[in-house]
Amino acid sequence: MRHTYTITELAAEFTVTLRTIRFYEEQGMLSPQRQGRNRVYAARDRVRLKLILRGKRLGLSLAEISEIIDLYEVARDESSQAIKLLARLTDRKKQLIQQREDIEQVMHDIEQLEQYCHSVLQPPGLRADGG
């Protein structure tokens, strides 16, 4: 198993920019070692980057992601991490359900307005209202 990675290797593996990885480093979420001017990332950093990107894809904030990851680092107890993650996921799921309902309502409204516009644009003899 490989023990270290360059920033370029991580960026390519996870399809992110070097700037993205540097940003997570600036936020204290990744802690590469230095070999001269080069950043050298350990397997731990690779796993953390994977978790950060997964959390972002789920819609969690960096603060939430960092809190969940740090719980594992401090406690070494996956149950406390799982409880916190479950709470965040439950909140996120509720938000997404609400967004889906909002989108469905907007889609319905758009369809009604489209039908109205089509009826207005039909030639007068073909309109359903006889106009």
Protein backbone atom coordinates (compact mmCIF):
# COMPACT_ATOMS: atom_id res chain seq x y z
CA MET A 1 0.00 0.00 0.00
CA ARG A 2 1.25 3.45 -0.88
CA HIS A 3 2.08 5.79 1.98
CA THR A 4 2.45 9.24 0.40
CA TYR A 5 0.91 11.24 -2.45
CA THR A 6 1.73 14.45 -4.25
CA ILE A 7 -0.82 17.21 -4.62
CA THR A 8 -0.94 16.50 -8.36
CA GLU A 9 -1.71 12.82 -7.78
CA LEU A 10 -4.54 13.62 -5.36
CA ALA A 11 -5.98 16.24 -7.68
CA ALA A 12 -5.99 13.77 -10.57
CA GLU A 13 -7.44 10.91 -8.49
CA PHE A 14 -10.33 12.98 -7.15
CA THR A 15 -10.77 15.22 -10.21
CA VAL A 16 -10.27 18.46 -8.30
CA THR A 17 -7.94 21.38 -8.86
CA LEU A 18 -4.70 21.98 -7.02
CA ARG A 19 -6.31 25.16 -5.75
CA THR A 20 -9.13 23.14 -4.17
CA ILE A 21 -6.68 20.96 -2.27
CA ARG A 22 -4.70 24.01 -1.16
CA PHE A 23 -7.94 25.61 0.03
CA TYR A 24 -8.74 22.59 2.23
CA GLU A 25 -5.19 22.76 3.51
CA GLU A 26 -5.64 26.46 4.38
CA GLN A 27 -8.83 25.55 6.23
CA GLY A 28 -6.82 23.09 8.35
CA MET A 29 -8.63 20.08 6.95
CA LEU A 30 -5.52 18.61 5.32
CA SER A 31 -2.01 18.63 6.80
CA PRO A 32 0.65 17.63 4.29
CA GLN A 33 4.28 17.28 5.25
CA ARG A 34 6.90 19.26 3.37
CA GLN A 35 9.86 17.84 1.51
CA GLY A 36 11.67 20.96 0.43
CA ARG A 37 9.10 22.98 -1.51
CA ASN A 38 6.85 20.00 -2.22
CA ARG A 39 3.75 18.98 -0.33
CA VAL A 40 3.64 15.31 0.59
CA TYR A 41 0.26 13.94 1.63
CA ALA A 42 -0.10 10.87 3.81
CA ALA A 43 -2.78 8.20 3.44
CA ARG A 44 -4.65 10.01 6.25
CA ASP A 45 -4.86 13.17 4.12
CA ARG A 46 -6.11 11.14 1.16
CA VAL A 47 -8.90 9.66 3.27
CA ARG A 48 -9.76 13.09 4.68
CA LEU A 49 -9.94 14.55 1.16
CA LYS A 50 -12.25 11.73 0.12
CA LEU A 51 -14.51 12.43 3.11
CA ILE A 52 -14.46 16.19 2.47
CA LEU A 53 -15.52 15.71 -1.13
CA ARG A 54 -18.23 13.23 -0.15
CA GLY A 55 -19.55 15.67 2.46
CA LYS A 56 -19.58 18.50 -0.08
CA ARG A 57 -21.46 16.30 -2.56
CA LEU A 58 -24.05 15.65 0.15
CA GLY A 59 -24.40 19.38 0.68
CA LEU A 60 -22.74 19.63 4.07
CA SER A 61 -20.82 22.77 4.95
CA LEU A 62 -17.07 22.65 5.49
CA ALA A 63 -17.66 23.37 9.18
CA GLU A 64 -19.98 20.36 9.44
CA ILE A 65 -17.58 18.13 7.54
CA SER A 66 -14.65 19.25 9.65
CA GLU A 67 -16.61 18.66 12.87
CA ILE A 68 -17.51 15.11 11.85
CA ILE A 69 -13.98 14.25 10.72
CA ASP A 70 -12.46 15.79 13.84
CA LEU A 71 -14.79 13.79 16.09
CA TYR A 72 -13.16 10.62 14.85
CA GLU A 73 -9.67 12.07 15.30
CA VAL A 74 -10.34 13.08 18.90
CA ALA A 75 -12.56 10.29 20.19
CA ARG A 76 -11.45 7.39 18.02
CA ASP A 77 -15.03 6.35 18.63
CA GLU A 78 -17.02 5.78 15.50
CA SER A 79 -20.35 5.85 17.36
CA SER A 80 -20.04 9.54 18.29
CA GLN A 81 -19.03 10.31 14.72
CA ALA A 82 -21.95 8.27 13.39
CA ILE A 83 -24.45 10.04 15.66
CA LYS A 84 -23.25 13.47 14.50
CA LEU A 85 -23.22 12.38 10.85
CA LEU A 86 -26.69 10.87 11.12
CA ALA A 87 -28.05 14.13 12.55
CA ARG A 88 -26.46 16.13 9.72
CA LEU A 89 -27.74 13.68 7.10
CA THR A 90 -31.25 13.81 8.55
CA ASP A 91 -31.22 17.62 8.38
CA ARG A 92 -29.86 17.58 4.84
CA LYS A 93 -32.45 15.03 3.73
CA LYS A 94 -35.25 17.24 5.09
CA GLN A 95 -33.83 20.21 3.18
CA LEU A 96 -33.65 18.21 -0.05
CA ILE A 97 -37.21 16.90 0.35
CA GLN A 98 -38.43 20.48 0.82
CA GLN A 99 -36.45 21.63 -2.21
CA ARG A 100 -37.91 18.79 -4.30
CA GLU A 101 -41.45 19.79 -3.24
CA ASP A 102 -40.68 23.42 -4.10
CA ILE A 103 -39.33 22.41 -7.51
CA GLU A 104 -42.39 20.25 -8.21
CA GLN A 105 -44.66 23.21 -7.38
CA VAL A 106 -42.67 25.56 -9.60
CA MET A 107 -42.74 22.99 -12.45
CA HIS A 108 -46.52 22.76 -12.10
CA ASP A 109 -46.83 26.55 -12.19
CA ILE A 110 -44.60 26.72 -15.29
CA GLU A 111 -46.69 24.08 -17.07
CA GLN A 112 -49.88 26.02 -16.35
CA LEU A 113 -48.33 29.25 -17.62
CA GLU A 114 -47.04 27.48 -20.74
CA GLN A 115 -50.53 26.16 -21.48
CA TYR A 116 -51.96 29.64 -21.03
CA CYS A 117 -49.35 31.17 -23.36
CA HIS A 118 -50.00 28.51 -26.01
CA SER A 119 -53.75 29.16 -25.81
CA VAL A 120 -53.21 32.91 -26.22
CA LEU A 121 -50.90 32.37 -29.20
CA GLN A 122 -53.27 30.03 -31.11
CA PRO A 123 -55.04 31.56 -34.11
CA PRO A 124 -58.43 33.05 -33.08
CA GLY A 125 -60.60 30.38 -34.76
CA LEU A 126 -58.77 27.55 -32.99
CA ARG A 127 -58.80 28.91 -29.43
CA ALA A 128 -60.75 26.90 -26.90
CA ASP A 129 -62.39 30.04 -25.48
CA GLY A 130 -63.86 30.89 -28.90
CA GLY A 131 -61.83 34.12 -29.13
